């Protein structure tokens, strides 16, 4: 099974056509990095929710652009473990 970080990179690269590779885990998802707009953040979160069978409250979406890919992977891992 792929790690959550690998899943995020796959979603960003293959489903959202973002320019990412395996080494971009330290890039911010927001303006200082990949520069994803709010609609893209929502799309990313929805793909992650579906893939990991978790739900992220919409009130927390605004924090996602401040995270790095690794930071979002860590957050999603926490949500998955909370669900278990």
Foldseek 3Di string as FASTA:
>chain_A
DDALLVVLQCCCCPVVVFPDDPPQQQAAQPDRGSNDDLVRLVVSQVVLCVVLVFDDDPVCSVVRRRHGSVRVSVVSVVRSVVVD
